[in-house]
Amino acid sequence: MTAYPESEQELARQLGEAAIDHASFNRSLKLCDLGSCRATCCHDGVFLTADEREVIDEVITGRREQLAGYGWQESAWIKREGARLKSITHESDDLPTGFPTHFPRTRCVFLDASHRCVLQRLAMDEGRHPWWWKPISCWMHPLVLKPGVRGDRPQLLLPASDGDPSEAPGYPGFASCTPCGREVLDGRPAWEVLKTELELLGTISGRDFYAEISAACRV
């Protein structure tokens, strides 16, 4: 389903045993509007697994001309942050109205001038699934697969503003603060809005998350 078989296999393992926070999927969301949010969720880059880094490096090396056609000609794209690898970011003033004040004013190296992911553009232009080369945590956003602790099951959920897993002192959270993860009054239930993401997770894991969640939320 993606270009990352090792990461996909581990994701499938965790999803197979995951609990679901059904209540979180009844929150109201709106579909992503790239024109207004300007890829807020991509502002800080993305942490990468080993096979994501390897494959993306091969894509950049082998498709430089196609990427240059999008105006993308970066000489560097990755850095080490602690023990993990992460895509680099650039300072930016081209941010949307309402950009969270606790987010760094940056944008991911893979965004083009119109805030589109060049890895997604490339996949679509080659007739692949749009998320073929997109890192898994990118296309899952705003969904979070929370790791199990001390033998607990992992949990699939939509973060809330009063308990975002990324919350830290001085940092209210991540997914719940982005336009596509922020609860709104005039939206639709998250399980409807995120149907494409839930269906792909189901295909990867062999577990029909959309059916499970929609059935529970309709009760």
N, C-alpha and C. Protein backbone atom coordinates (compact mmCIF):
# COMPACT_ATOMS: atom_id res chain seq x y z
N MET A 1 0.81 -1.21 0.00
CA MET A 1 0.00 0.00 0.00
C MET A 1 0.85 1.27 0.00
N THR A 2 2.08 1.16 0.53
CA THR A 2 3.00 2.29 0.55
C THR A 2 4.36 1.79 0.05
N ALA A 3 5.29 2.70 -0.09
CA ALA A 3 6.64 2.33 -0.53
C ALA A 3 7.51 1.87 0.63
N TYR A 4 6.92 1.70 1.82
CA TYR A 4 7.69 1.43 3.03
C TYR A 4 7.25 0.11 3.68
N PRO A 5 7.65 -1.04 3.12
CA PRO A 5 7.15 -2.33 3.63
C PRO A 5 7.50 -2.60 5.08
N GLU A 6 8.69 -2.23 5.53
CA GLU A 6 9.07 -2.50 6.92
C GLU A 6 8.22 -1.68 7.89
N SER A 7 8.08 -0.40 7.60
CA SER A 7 7.25 0.46 8.46
C SER A 7 5.80 0.02 8.40
N GLU A 8 5.36 -0.38 7.22
CA GLU A 8 3.98 -0.82 7.06
C GLU A 8 3.71 -2.10 7.84
N GLN A 9 4.68 -3.01 7.86
CA GLN A 9 4.52 -4.26 8.60
C GLN A 9 4.40 -3.99 10.10
N GLU A 10 5.23 -3.10 10.61
CA GLU A 10 5.16 -2.77 12.03
C GLU A 10 3.85 -2.05 12.36
N LEU A 11 3.41 -1.17 11.47
CA LEU A 11 2.13 -0.48 11.67
C LEU A 11 0.99 -1.49 11.70
N ALA A 12 1.02 -2.45 10.79
CA ALA A 12 -0.02 -3.48 10.74
C ALA A 12 -0.06 -4.28 12.04
N ARG A 13 1.11 -4.60 12.57
CA ARG A 13 1.17 -5.36 13.82
C ARG A 13 0.51 -4.59 14.96
N GLN A 14 0.84 -3.30 15.07
CA GLN A 14 0.27 -2.50 16.15
C GLN A 14 -1.23 -2.28 15.96
N LEU A 15 -1.63 -2.05 14.73
CA LEU A 15 -3.05 -1.82 14.45
C LEU A 15 -3.88 -3.07 14.75
N GLY A 16 -3.29 -4.24 14.49
CA GLY A 16 -4.02 -5.48 14.71
C GLY A 16 -4.46 -5.68 16.14
N GLU A 17 -3.70 -5.15 17.08
CA GLU A 17 -4.02 -5.31 18.50
C GLU A 17 -4.50 -4.02 19.16
N ALA A 18 -4.67 -2.98 18.38
CA ALA A 18 -4.99 -1.67 18.95
C ALA A 18 -6.41 -1.57 19.48
N ALA A 19 -6.55 -0.86 20.58
CA ALA A 19 -7.86 -0.43 21.07
C ALA A 19 -8.24 0.85 20.31
N ILE A 20 -9.50 1.19 20.31
CA ILE A 20 -9.97 2.38 19.60
C ILE A 20 -10.70 3.30 20.58
N ASP A 21 -10.32 4.56 20.57
CA ASP A 21 -11.04 5.56 21.36
C ASP A 21 -12.22 6.03 20.52
N HIS A 22 -13.32 5.27 20.57
CA HIS A 22 -14.46 5.57 19.70
C HIS A 22 -15.02 6.96 19.93
N ALA A 23 -15.06 7.40 21.17
CA ALA A 23 -15.65 8.70 21.47
C ALA A 23 -14.92 9.82 20.74
N SER A 24 -13.61 9.68 20.59
CA SER A 24 -12.86 10.76 19.94
C SER A 24 -13.25 10.94 18.49
N PHE A 25 -13.77 9.88 17.86
CA PHE A 25 -14.14 9.96 16.45
C PHE A 25 -15.51 10.59 16.23
N ASN A 26 -16.18 10.94 17.30
CA ASN A 26 -17.45 11.68 17.16
C ASN A 26 -17.24 13.18 17.19
N ARG A 27 -16.01 13.64 17.42
CA ARG A 27 -15.75 15.07 17.36
C ARG A 27 -15.96 15.58 15.94
N SER A 28 -16.32 16.84 15.82
CA SER A 28 -16.59 17.43 14.51
C SER A 28 -15.33 18.05 13.92
N LEU A 29 -15.02 17.67 12.68
CA LEU A 29 -13.88 18.21 11.97
C LEU A 29 -14.32 18.75 10.62
N LYS A 30 -13.41 19.47 9.98
CA LYS A 30 -13.60 19.88 8.60
C LYS A 30 -12.49 19.29 7.75
N LEU A 31 -12.80 19.01 6.49
CA LEU A 31 -11.79 18.52 5.58
C LEU A 31 -10.67 19.53 5.43
N CYS A 32 -9.48 19.02 5.16
CA CYS A 32 -8.32 19.88 4.95
C CYS A 32 -8.58 20.87 3.82
N ASP A 33 -8.28 22.12 4.06
CA ASP A 33 -8.36 23.17 3.05
C ASP A 33 -6.98 23.78 2.92
N LEU A 34 -6.20 23.24 1.98
CA LEU A 34 -4.80 23.64 1.86
C LEU A 34 -4.64 25.12 1.56
N GLY A 35 -5.61 25.69 0.86
CA GLY A 35 -5.52 27.10 0.52
C GLY A 35 -5.55 28.01 1.73
N SER A 36 -6.25 27.60 2.77
CA SER A 36 -6.35 28.45 3.97
C SER A 36 -5.36 28.03 5.05
N CYS A 37 -5.06 26.73 5.17
CA CYS A 37 -4.18 26.29 6.26
C CYS A 37 -2.70 26.31 5.86
N ARG A 38 -2.44 26.31 4.55
CA ARG A 38 -1.06 26.36 4.04
C ARG A 38 -0.17 25.29 4.69
N ALA A 39 -0.75 24.09 4.80
CA ALA A 39 -0.01 22.94 5.32
C ALA A 39 0.55 23.18 6.72
N THR A 40 -0.30 23.69 7.59
CA THR A 40 0.11 23.91 8.98
C THR A 40 0.65 22.63 9.61
N CYS A 41 0.03 21.49 9.30
CA CYS A 41 0.46 20.23 9.92
C CYS A 41 1.86 19.83 9.47
N CYS A 42 2.36 20.42 8.37
CA CYS A 42 3.69 20.08 7.85
C CYS A 42 4.75 21.08 8.28
N HIS A 43 4.42 21.98 9.16
CA HIS A 43 5.31 23.10 9.46
C HIS A 43 6.66 22.65 10.05
N ASP A 44 6.65 21.55 10.81
CA ASP A 44 7.85 21.19 11.58
C ASP A 44 8.56 19.96 11.02
N GLY A 45 8.25 19.57 9.79
CA GLY A 45 8.89 18.39 9.24
C GLY A 45 8.32 17.12 9.83
N VAL A 46 9.00 15.99 9.61
CA VAL A 46 8.48 14.72 10.05
C VAL A 46 9.62 13.80 10.47
N PHE A 47 9.41 13.07 11.56
CA PHE A 47 10.36 12.03 11.95
C PHE A 47 10.19 10.84 11.02
N LEU A 48 11.30 10.19 10.68
CA LEU A 48 11.30 9.15 9.66
C LEU A 48 11.81 7.82 10.20
N THR A 49 11.23 6.75 9.72
CA THR A 49 11.76 5.42 10.00
C THR A 49 12.94 5.18 9.05
N ALA A 50 13.67 4.10 9.32
CA ALA A 50 14.85 3.81 8.50
C ALA A 50 14.49 3.59 7.04
N ASP A 51 13.42 2.82 6.77
CA ASP A 51 13.11 2.57 5.36
C ASP A 51 12.48 3.79 4.69
N GLU A 52 11.80 4.64 5.45
CA GLU A 52 11.31 5.89 4.85
C GLU A 52 12.48 6.75 4.40
N ARG A 53 13.49 6.87 5.24
CA ARG A 53 14.66 7.67 4.87
C ARG A 53 15.35 7.09 3.63
N GLU A 54 15.52 5.77 3.61
CA GLU A 54 16.23 5.13 2.50
C GLU A 54 15.48 5.30 1.18
N VAL A 55 14.17 5.06 1.22
CA VAL A 55 13.38 5.14 -0.02
C VAL A 55 13.30 6.58 -0.52
N ILE A 56 13.06 7.53 0.39
CA ILE A 56 12.97 8.93 -0.03
C ILE A 56 14.29 9.39 -0.62
N ASP A 57 15.39 8.95 -0.05
CA ASP A 57 16.70 9.30 -0.60
C ASP A 57 16.84 8.78 -2.03
N GLU A 58 16.37 7.56 -2.28
CA GLU A 58 16.43 6.99 -3.62
C GLU A 58 15.52 7.76 -4.58
N VAL A 59 14.36 8.18 -4.10
CA VAL A 59 13.44 8.95 -4.93
C VAL A 59 14.07 10.28 -5.34
N ILE A 60 14.67 10.97 -4.38
CA ILE A 60 15.28 12.26 -4.67
C ILE A 60 16.43 12.11 -5.66
N THR A 61 17.23 11.07 -5.47
CA THR A 61 18.37 10.84 -6.35
C THR A 61 17.93 10.48 -7.76
N GLY A 62 16.92 9.63 -7.87
CA GLY A 62 16.50 9.14 -9.18
C GLY A 62 15.51 10.01 -9.93
N ARG A 63 14.94 11.01 -9.26
CA ARG A 63 13.90 11.81 -9.90
C ARG A 63 14.15 13.31 -9.73
N ARG A 64 15.39 13.68 -9.80
CA ARG A 64 15.73 15.09 -9.59
C ARG A 64 15.09 15.99 -10.64
N GLU A 65 15.02 15.54 -11.88
CA GLU A 65 14.44 16.38 -12.94
C GLU A 65 12.96 16.61 -12.70
N GLN A 66 12.23 15.53 -12.34
CA GLN A 66 10.80 15.70 -12.06
C GLN A 66 10.58 16.64 -10.89
N LEU A 67 11.36 16.48 -9.83
CA LEU A 67 11.22 17.34 -8.66
C LEU A 67 11.59 18.78 -8.99
N ALA A 68 12.59 18.97 -9.83
CA ALA A 68 12.97 20.32 -10.25
C ALA A 68 11.83 20.98 -11.01
N GLY A 69 11.04 20.17 -11.70
CA GLY A 69 9.88 20.70 -12.41
C GLY A 69 8.83 21.27 -11.48
N TYR A 70 8.87 20.86 -10.22
CA TYR A 70 7.97 21.44 -9.21
C TYR A 70 8.62 22.63 -8.52
N GLY A 71 9.81 23.00 -8.96
CA GLY A 71 10.54 24.08 -8.30
C GLY A 71 11.29 23.61 -7.07
N TRP A 72 11.46 22.28 -6.94
CA TRP A 72 12.11 21.71 -5.75
C TRP A 72 13.52 21.28 -6.11
N GLN A 73 14.51 21.96 -5.56
CA GLN A 73 15.91 21.66 -5.86
C GLN A 73 16.75 21.79 -4.59
N GLU A 74 16.38 21.02 -3.59
CA GLU A 74 17.05 21.10 -2.30
C GLU A 74 18.34 20.28 -2.30
N SER A 75 19.39 20.82 -1.71
CA SER A 75 20.66 20.09 -1.62
C SER A 75 20.72 19.20 -0.39
N ALA A 76 19.90 19.49 0.61
CA ALA A 76 19.84 18.69 1.82
C ALA A 76 18.39 18.57 2.25
N TRP A 77 18.03 17.46 2.86
CA TRP A 77 16.63 17.30 3.24
C TRP A 77 16.44 16.60 4.59
N ILE A 78 17.51 16.12 5.20
CA ILE A 78 17.36 15.33 6.42
C ILE A 78 18.38 15.76 7.46
N LYS A 79 17.99 15.58 8.73
CA LYS A 79 18.89 15.89 9.84
C LYS A 79 18.67 14.87 10.94
N ARG A 80 19.58 14.82 11.89
CA ARG A 80 19.41 13.96 13.06
C ARG A 80 18.98 14.81 14.24
N GLU A 81 17.93 14.38 14.91
CA GLU A 81 17.43 15.07 16.09
C GLU A 81 17.41 14.07 17.23
N GLY A 82 18.40 14.15 18.09
CA GLY A 82 18.56 13.12 19.10
C GLY A 82 18.96 11.81 18.44
N ALA A 83 18.20 10.76 18.72
CA ALA A 83 18.49 9.46 18.12
C ALA A 83 17.67 9.22 16.86
N ARG A 84 16.91 10.22 16.43
CA ARG A 84 15.97 10.01 15.31
C ARG A 84 16.33 10.88 14.11
N LEU A 85 15.84 10.45 12.95
CA LEU A 85 16.03 11.19 11.71
C LEU A 85 14.77 11.99 11.41
N LYS A 86 14.96 13.18 10.88
CA LYS A 86 13.83 14.07 10.65
C LYS A 86 14.09 14.92 9.40
N SER A 87 13.04 15.21 8.64
CA SER A 87 13.20 16.11 7.50
C SER A 87 13.49 17.51 8.02
N ILE A 88 14.31 18.23 7.30
CA ILE A 88 14.67 19.57 7.75
C ILE A 88 13.54 20.55 7.46
N THR A 89 13.63 21.72 8.05
CA THR A 89 12.64 22.77 7.83
C THR A 89 13.34 24.07 7.47
N HIS A 90 12.56 25.01 6.92
CA HIS A 90 13.07 26.34 6.61
C HIS A 90 12.22 27.38 7.33
N GLU A 91 12.84 28.44 7.75
CA GLU A 91 12.09 29.56 8.34
C GLU A 91 11.11 30.09 7.30
N SER A 92 9.93 30.53 7.76
CA SER A 92 8.92 31.02 6.83
C SER A 92 8.06 32.10 7.45
N ASP A 93 7.72 33.09 6.64
CA ASP A 93 6.74 34.11 7.03
C ASP A 93 5.43 33.91 6.29
N ASP A 94 5.39 32.91 5.40
CA ASP A 94 4.19 32.65 4.60
C ASP A 94 3.30 31.68 5.35
N LEU A 95 2.77 32.15 6.48
CA LEU A 95 1.98 31.30 7.35
C LEU A 95 0.53 31.79 7.38
N PRO A 96 -0.42 30.91 7.66
CA PRO A 96 -1.83 31.30 7.62
C PRO A 96 -2.25 32.12 8.83
N THR A 97 -3.35 32.80 8.69
CA THR A 97 -3.97 33.48 9.82
C THR A 97 -4.35 32.44 10.87
N GLY A 98 -4.07 32.71 12.12
CA GLY A 98 -4.41 31.76 13.18
C GLY A 98 -3.38 30.67 13.38
N PHE A 99 -2.20 30.82 12.77
CA PHE A 99 -1.16 29.83 12.96
C PHE A 99 -0.84 29.75 14.45
N PRO A 100 -0.84 28.54 15.03
CA PRO A 100 -0.63 28.41 16.49
C PRO A 100 0.66 29.08 16.94
N THR A 101 0.56 29.88 17.98
CA THR A 101 1.72 30.65 18.44
C THR A 101 2.81 29.79 19.03
N HIS A 102 2.47 28.56 19.46
CA HIS A 102 3.50 27.69 20.04
C HIS A 102 4.21 26.84 18.99
N PHE A 103 3.78 26.93 17.72
CA PHE A 103 4.47 26.22 16.65
C PHE A 103 5.64 27.05 16.15
N PRO A 104 6.76 26.41 15.82
CA PRO A 104 7.85 27.18 15.19
C PRO A 104 7.40 27.69 13.83
N ARG A 105 7.86 28.85 13.45
CA ARG A 105 7.45 29.48 12.18
C ARG A 105 8.32 28.95 11.05
N THR A 106 8.08 27.69 10.74
CA THR A 106 8.88 26.98 9.74
C THR A 106 7.96 26.19 8.82
N ARG A 107 8.55 25.61 7.76
CA ARG A 107 7.80 24.74 6.85
C ARG A 107 8.71 23.60 6.43
N CYS A 108 8.12 22.44 6.19
CA CYS A 108 8.85 21.25 5.82
C CYS A 108 9.56 21.43 4.49
N VAL A 109 10.72 20.84 4.36
CA VAL A 109 11.52 20.95 3.14
C VAL A 109 10.80 20.39 1.92
N PHE A 110 9.82 19.51 2.12
CA PHE A 110 9.13 18.88 0.99
C PHE A 110 7.92 19.65 0.49
N LEU A 111 7.67 20.83 1.04
CA LEU A 111 6.56 21.64 0.55
C LEU A 111 7.02 22.52 -0.62
N ASP A 112 6.16 22.60 -1.65
CA ASP A 112 6.49 23.50 -2.77
C ASP A 112 5.96 24.90 -2.46
N ALA A 113 6.06 25.80 -3.43
CA ALA A 113 5.67 27.19 -3.20
C ALA A 113 4.18 27.35 -2.92
N SER A 114 3.39 26.34 -3.30
CA SER A 114 1.94 26.38 -3.06
C SER A 114 1.54 25.51 -1.88
N HIS A 115 2.53 25.14 -1.05
CA HIS A 115 2.31 24.38 0.19
C HIS A 115 1.91 22.94 -0.07
N ARG A 116 2.18 22.43 -1.26
CA ARG A 116 1.88 21.03 -1.58
C ARG A 116 3.11 20.16 -1.36
N CYS A 117 2.86 18.92 -0.94
CA CYS A 117 3.95 17.98 -0.72
C CYS A 117 4.46 17.48 -2.06
N VAL A 118 5.74 17.67 -2.34
CA VAL A 118 6.27 17.25 -3.64
C VAL A 118 6.31 15.73 -3.75
N LEU A 119 6.41 15.01 -2.64
CA LEU A 119 6.38 13.55 -2.69
C LEU A 119 5.00 13.06 -3.11
N GLN A 120 3.96 13.75 -2.65
CA GLN A 120 2.60 13.40 -3.06
C GLN A 120 2.36 13.79 -4.51
N ARG A 121 2.84 14.94 -4.92
CA ARG A 121 2.69 15.35 -6.32
C ARG A 121 3.36 14.35 -7.25
N LEU A 122 4.55 13.92 -6.88
CA LEU A 122 5.30 12.98 -7.71
C LEU A 122 4.55 11.65 -7.84
N ALA A 123 4.02 11.14 -6.74
CA ALA A 123 3.28 9.88 -6.77
C ALA A 123 2.07 9.99 -7.69
N MET A 124 1.34 11.08 -7.59
CA MET A 124 0.15 11.26 -8.40
C MET A 124 0.51 11.38 -9.88
N ASP A 125 1.60 12.08 -10.18
CA ASP A 125 2.02 12.23 -11.57
C ASP A 125 2.50 10.91 -12.17
N GLU A 126 2.91 9.96 -11.32
CA GLU A 126 3.33 8.66 -11.80
C GLU A 126 2.21 7.63 -11.73
N GLY A 127 1.00 8.08 -11.41
CA GLY A 127 -0.15 7.18 -11.39
C GLY A 127 -0.22 6.27 -10.17
N ARG A 128 0.50 6.62 -9.12
CA ARG A 128 0.48 5.84 -7.89
C ARG A 128 -0.54 6.42 -6.91
N HIS A 129 -0.77 5.68 -5.81
CA HIS A 129 -1.59 6.23 -4.75
C HIS A 129 -0.94 7.53 -4.28
N PRO A 130 -1.72 8.58 -4.03
CA PRO A 130 -1.12 9.86 -3.62
C PRO A 130 -0.18 9.75 -2.42
N TRP A 131 -0.41 8.79 -1.53
CA TRP A 131 0.40 8.68 -0.31
C TRP A 131 1.50 7.63 -0.43
N TRP A 132 1.79 7.17 -1.62
CA TRP A 132 2.77 6.10 -1.83
C TRP A 132 4.11 6.44 -1.18
N TRP A 133 4.63 7.63 -1.43
CA TRP A 133 5.93 8.05 -0.87
C TRP A 133 5.79 8.97 0.33
N LYS A 134 4.59 9.31 0.70
CA LYS A 134 4.40 10.21 1.84
C LYS A 134 4.68 9.43 3.13
N PRO A 135 5.51 9.94 4.03
CA PRO A 135 5.74 9.22 5.29
C PRO A 135 4.43 8.89 5.99
N ILE A 136 4.39 7.73 6.62
CA ILE A 136 3.13 7.23 7.17
C ILE A 136 2.52 8.19 8.18
N SER A 137 3.35 8.75 9.07
CA SER A 137 2.80 9.65 10.08
C SER A 137 2.23 10.92 9.46
N CYS A 138 2.68 11.27 8.25
CA CYS A 138 2.13 12.44 7.56
C CYS A 138 0.70 12.18 7.10
N TRP A 139 0.49 11.06 6.38
CA TRP A 139 -0.87 10.85 5.85
C TRP A 139 -1.85 10.40 6.93
N MET A 140 -1.35 9.87 8.05
CA MET A 140 -2.25 9.50 9.14
C MET A 140 -2.79 10.72 9.87
N HIS A 141 -2.08 11.83 9.82
CA HIS A 141 -2.49 13.03 10.55
C HIS A 141 -3.92 13.43 10.19
N PRO A 142 -4.77 13.78 11.20
CA PRO A 142 -4.47 14.00 12.62
C PRO A 142 -4.64 12.77 13.52
N LEU A 143 -4.79 11.59 12.92
CA LEU A 143 -4.90 10.38 13.73
C LEU A 143 -3.58 10.07 14.43
N VAL A 144 -3.69 9.47 15.60
CA VAL A 144 -2.50 9.08 16.35
C VAL A 144 -2.68 7.64 16.81
N LEU A 145 -1.63 6.85 16.63
CA LEU A 145 -1.59 5.50 17.19
C LEU A 145 -0.69 5.58 18.43
N LYS A 146 -1.33 5.66 19.57
CA LYS A 146 -0.62 5.84 20.83
C LYS A 146 -0.04 4.52 21.30
N PRO A 147 1.27 4.43 21.53
CA PRO A 147 1.89 3.16 21.93
C PRO A 147 1.33 2.66 23.26
N GLY A 148 1.29 1.35 23.39
CA GLY A 148 0.90 0.76 24.67
C GLY A 148 2.02 0.92 25.69
N VAL A 149 1.65 1.07 26.93
CA VAL A 149 2.63 1.23 28.01
C VAL A 149 2.41 0.12 29.03
N ARG A 150 3.51 -0.53 29.43
CA ARG A 150 3.47 -1.59 30.45
C ARG A 150 2.45 -2.68 30.11
N GLY A 151 2.51 -3.13 28.86
CA GLY A 151 1.64 -4.23 28.45
C GLY A 151 0.27 -3.81 27.96
N ASP A 152 -0.06 -2.52 28.03
CA ASP A 152 -1.35 -2.07 27.51
C ASP A 152 -1.36 -2.14 25.98
N ARG A 153 -2.54 -2.22 25.41
CA ARG A 153 -2.66 -2.23 23.95
C ARG A 153 -2.40 -0.84 23.39
N PRO A 154 -1.87 -0.75 22.17
CA PRO A 154 -1.81 0.56 21.50
C PRO A 154 -3.24 1.08 21.36
N GLN A 155 -3.36 2.38 21.13
CA GLN A 155 -4.69 2.97 21.00
C GLN A 155 -4.74 3.92 19.81
N LEU A 156 -5.73 3.71 18.95
CA LEU A 156 -5.96 4.60 17.82
C LEU A 156 -6.96 5.66 18.25
N LEU A 157 -6.60 6.93 18.07
CA LEU A 157 -7.46 8.00 18.55
C LEU A 157 -7.28 9.27 17.75
N LEU A 158 -8.22 10.18 17.96
CA LEU A 158 -8.12 11.53 17.45
C LEU A 158 -7.84 12.43 18.64
N PRO A 159 -6.64 13.04 18.72
CA PRO A 159 -6.29 13.82 19.90
C PRO A 159 -7.27 14.96 20.18
N ALA A 160 -7.51 15.19 21.46
CA ALA A 160 -8.35 16.29 21.90
C ALA A 160 -7.48 17.40 22.47
N SER A 161 -8.01 18.60 22.49
CA SER A 161 -7.24 19.74 22.98
C SER A 161 -6.95 19.64 24.47
N ASP A 162 -7.72 18.84 25.20
CA ASP A 162 -7.51 18.70 26.64
C ASP A 162 -6.78 17.42 26.99
N GLY A 163 -6.04 16.86 26.03
CA GLY A 163 -5.28 15.65 26.31
C GLY A 163 -4.47 15.20 25.12
N ASP A 164 -3.95 16.15 24.39
CA ASP A 164 -3.15 15.85 23.20
C ASP A 164 -1.90 15.08 23.62
N PRO A 165 -1.61 13.92 22.98
CA PRO A 165 -0.43 13.15 23.37
C PRO A 165 0.88 13.92 23.24
N SER A 166 0.89 14.98 22.41
CA SER A 166 2.12 15.76 22.23
C SER A 166 2.25 16.90 23.24
N GLU A 167 1.27 17.03 24.10
CA GLU A 167 1.28 18.13 25.07
C GLU A 167 2.49 18.04 25.98
N ALA A 168 3.07 19.22 26.25
CA ALA A 168 4.23 19.32 27.14
C ALA A 168 4.20 20.72 27.75
N PRO A 169 4.96 20.97 28.82
CA PRO A 169 4.98 22.32 29.40
C PRO A 169 5.30 23.38 28.35
N GLY A 170 4.40 24.34 28.21
CA GLY A 170 4.58 25.40 27.23
C GLY A 170 4.22 25.00 25.81
N TYR A 171 3.74 23.78 25.64
CA TYR A 171 3.38 23.28 24.30
C TYR A 171 2.03 22.56 24.41
N PRO A 172 0.93 23.24 24.06
CA PRO A 172 -0.41 22.68 24.26
C PRO A 172 -0.72 21.41 23.47
N GLY A 173 0.07 21.13 22.44
CA GLY A 173 -0.20 19.94 21.64
C GLY A 173 0.05 20.18 20.17
N PHE A 174 -0.12 19.12 19.39
CA PHE A 174 0.13 19.23 17.96
C PHE A 174 -1.13 18.96 17.13
N ALA A 175 -1.55 17.70 17.01
CA ALA A 175 -2.65 17.36 16.11
C ALA A 175 -3.93 18.15 16.41
N SER A 176 -4.24 18.31 17.69
CA SER A 176 -5.48 19.00 18.06
C SER A 176 -5.42 20.50 17.80
N CYS A 177 -4.24 21.02 17.48
CA CYS A 177 -4.06 22.45 17.25
C CYS A 177 -3.98 22.80 15.76
N THR A 178 -3.97 21.81 14.89
CA THR A 178 -3.91 22.06 13.45
C THR A 178 -5.33 22.20 12.90
N PRO A 179 -5.51 22.92 11.80
CA PRO A 179 -6.86 23.11 11.26
C PRO A 179 -7.61 21.81 10.96
N CYS A 180 -6.89 20.79 10.49
CA CYS A 180 -7.58 19.54 10.15
C CYS A 180 -7.80 18.64 11.36
N GLY A 181 -7.22 18.98 12.51
CA GLY A 181 -7.42 18.19 13.72
C GLY A 181 -8.16 18.92 14.81
N ARG A 182 -8.46 20.20 14.57
CA ARG A 182 -9.12 21.03 15.58
C ARG A 182 -10.63 20.83 15.52
N GLU A 183 -11.24 20.61 16.66
CA GLU A 183 -12.69 20.43 16.71
C GLU A 183 -13.41 21.73 16.34
N VAL A 184 -14.46 21.61 15.52
CA VAL A 184 -15.24 22.78 15.08
C VAL A 184 -16.72 22.50 15.31
N LEU A 185 -17.50 23.55 15.33
CA LEU A 185 -18.93 23.39 15.56
C LEU A 185 -19.70 23.04 14.30
N ASP A 186 -19.19 23.49 13.15
CA ASP A 186 -19.94 23.32 11.90
C ASP A 186 -19.32 22.26 10.99
N GLY A 187 -18.69 21.26 11.58
CA GLY A 187 -18.07 20.22 10.79
C GLY A 187 -18.92 18.96 10.73
N ARG A 188 -18.27 17.86 10.39
CA ARG A 188 -18.90 16.55 10.35
C ARG A 188 -18.13 15.60 11.27
N PRO A 189 -18.74 14.50 11.70
CA PRO A 189 -18.04 13.59 12.59
C PRO A 189 -16.70 13.15 12.00
N ALA A 190 -15.71 13.04 12.85
CA ALA A 190 -14.36 12.72 12.40
C ALA A 190 -14.31 11.40 11.64
N TRP A 191 -15.11 10.42 12.04
CA TRP A 191 -15.07 9.14 11.35
C TRP A 191 -15.53 9.27 9.90
N GLU A 192 -16.33 10.27 9.59
CA GLU A 192 -16.72 10.53 8.20
C GLU A 192 -15.61 11.30 7.47
N VAL A 193 -15.11 12.33 8.11
CA VAL A 193 -14.10 13.19 7.47
C VAL A 193 -12.82 12.41 7.18
N LEU A 194 -12.48 11.49 8.07
CA LEU A 194 -11.22 10.74 7.95
C LEU A 194 -11.42 9.35 7.36
N LYS A 195 -12.46 9.19 6.57
CA LYS A 195 -12.76 7.87 5.99
C LYS A 195 -11.61 7.33 5.17
N THR A 196 -10.97 8.16 4.34
CA THR A 196 -9.89 7.69 3.49
C THR A 196 -8.72 7.16 4.32
N GLU A 197 -8.36 7.89 5.37
CA GLU A 197 -7.27 7.45 6.24
C GLU A 197 -7.62 6.14 6.95
N LEU A 198 -8.84 6.04 7.46
CA LEU A 198 -9.26 4.83 8.17
C LEU A 198 -9.31 3.63 7.23
N GLU A 199 -9.75 3.86 5.99
CA GLU A 199 -9.81 2.75 5.04
C GLU A 199 -8.42 2.26 4.67
N LEU A 200 -7.46 3.16 4.51
CA LEU A 200 -6.10 2.74 4.20
C LEU A 200 -5.48 1.99 5.38
N LEU A 201 -5.72 2.45 6.59
CA LEU A 201 -5.25 1.72 7.76
C LEU A 201 -5.86 0.32 7.79
N GLY A 202 -7.11 0.23 7.38
CA GLY A 202 -7.76 -1.07 7.32
C GLY A 202 -7.14 -1.98 6.28
N THR A 203 -6.81 -1.43 5.13
CA THR A 203 -6.17 -2.23 4.08
C THR A 203 -4.81 -2.73 4.53
N ILE A 204 -4.05 -1.88 5.20
CA ILE A 204 -2.72 -2.25 5.67
C ILE A 204 -2.79 -3.35 6.74
N SER A 205 -3.77 -3.24 7.63
CA SER A 205 -3.82 -4.15 8.78
C SER A 205 -4.73 -5.35 8.59
N GLY A 206 -5.59 -5.31 7.58
CA GLY A 206 -6.57 -6.37 7.42
C GLY A 206 -7.72 -6.26 8.41
N ARG A 207 -7.88 -5.09 8.98
CA ARG A 207 -8.92 -4.84 9.98
C ARG A 207 -9.72 -3.64 9.52
N ASP A 208 -11.03 -3.78 9.43
CA ASP A 208 -11.87 -2.72 8.86
C ASP A 208 -12.16 -1.64 9.90
N PHE A 209 -11.24 -0.71 10.02
CA PHE A 209 -11.39 0.34 11.03
C PHE A 209 -12.58 1.24 10.73
N TYR A 210 -12.80 1.55 9.48
CA TYR A 210 -13.93 2.44 9.16
C TYR A 210 -15.24 1.79 9.59
N ALA A 211 -15.42 0.51 9.30
CA ALA A 211 -16.65 -0.18 9.69
C ALA A 211 -16.78 -0.26 11.20
N GLU A 212 -15.68 -0.58 11.88
CA GLU A 212 -15.72 -0.68 13.35
C GLU A 212 -16.11 0.64 13.98
N ILE A 213 -15.45 1.69 13.55
CA ILE A 213 -15.65 3.00 14.20
C ILE A 213 -17.00 3.59 13.82
N SER A 214 -17.35 3.51 12.55
CA SER A 214 -18.63 4.11 12.14
C SER A 214 -19.80 3.39 12.81
N ALA A 215 -19.70 2.07 12.97
CA ALA A 215 -20.79 1.33 13.63
C ALA A 215 -20.91 1.75 15.08
N ALA A 216 -19.79 1.91 15.77
CA ALA A 216 -19.82 2.29 17.18
C ALA A 216 -20.32 3.71 17.36
N CYS A 217 -19.94 4.59 16.44
CA CYS A 217 -20.29 6.01 16.57
C CYS A 217 -21.74 6.28 16.17
N ARG A 218 -22.33 5.41 15.39
CA ARG A 218 -23.73 5.60 14.98
C ARG A 218 -24.70 5.20 16.06
N VAL A 219 -24.23 4.44 17.04
CA VAL A 219 -25.12 3.94 18.12
C VAL A 219 -25.63 5.09 18.96
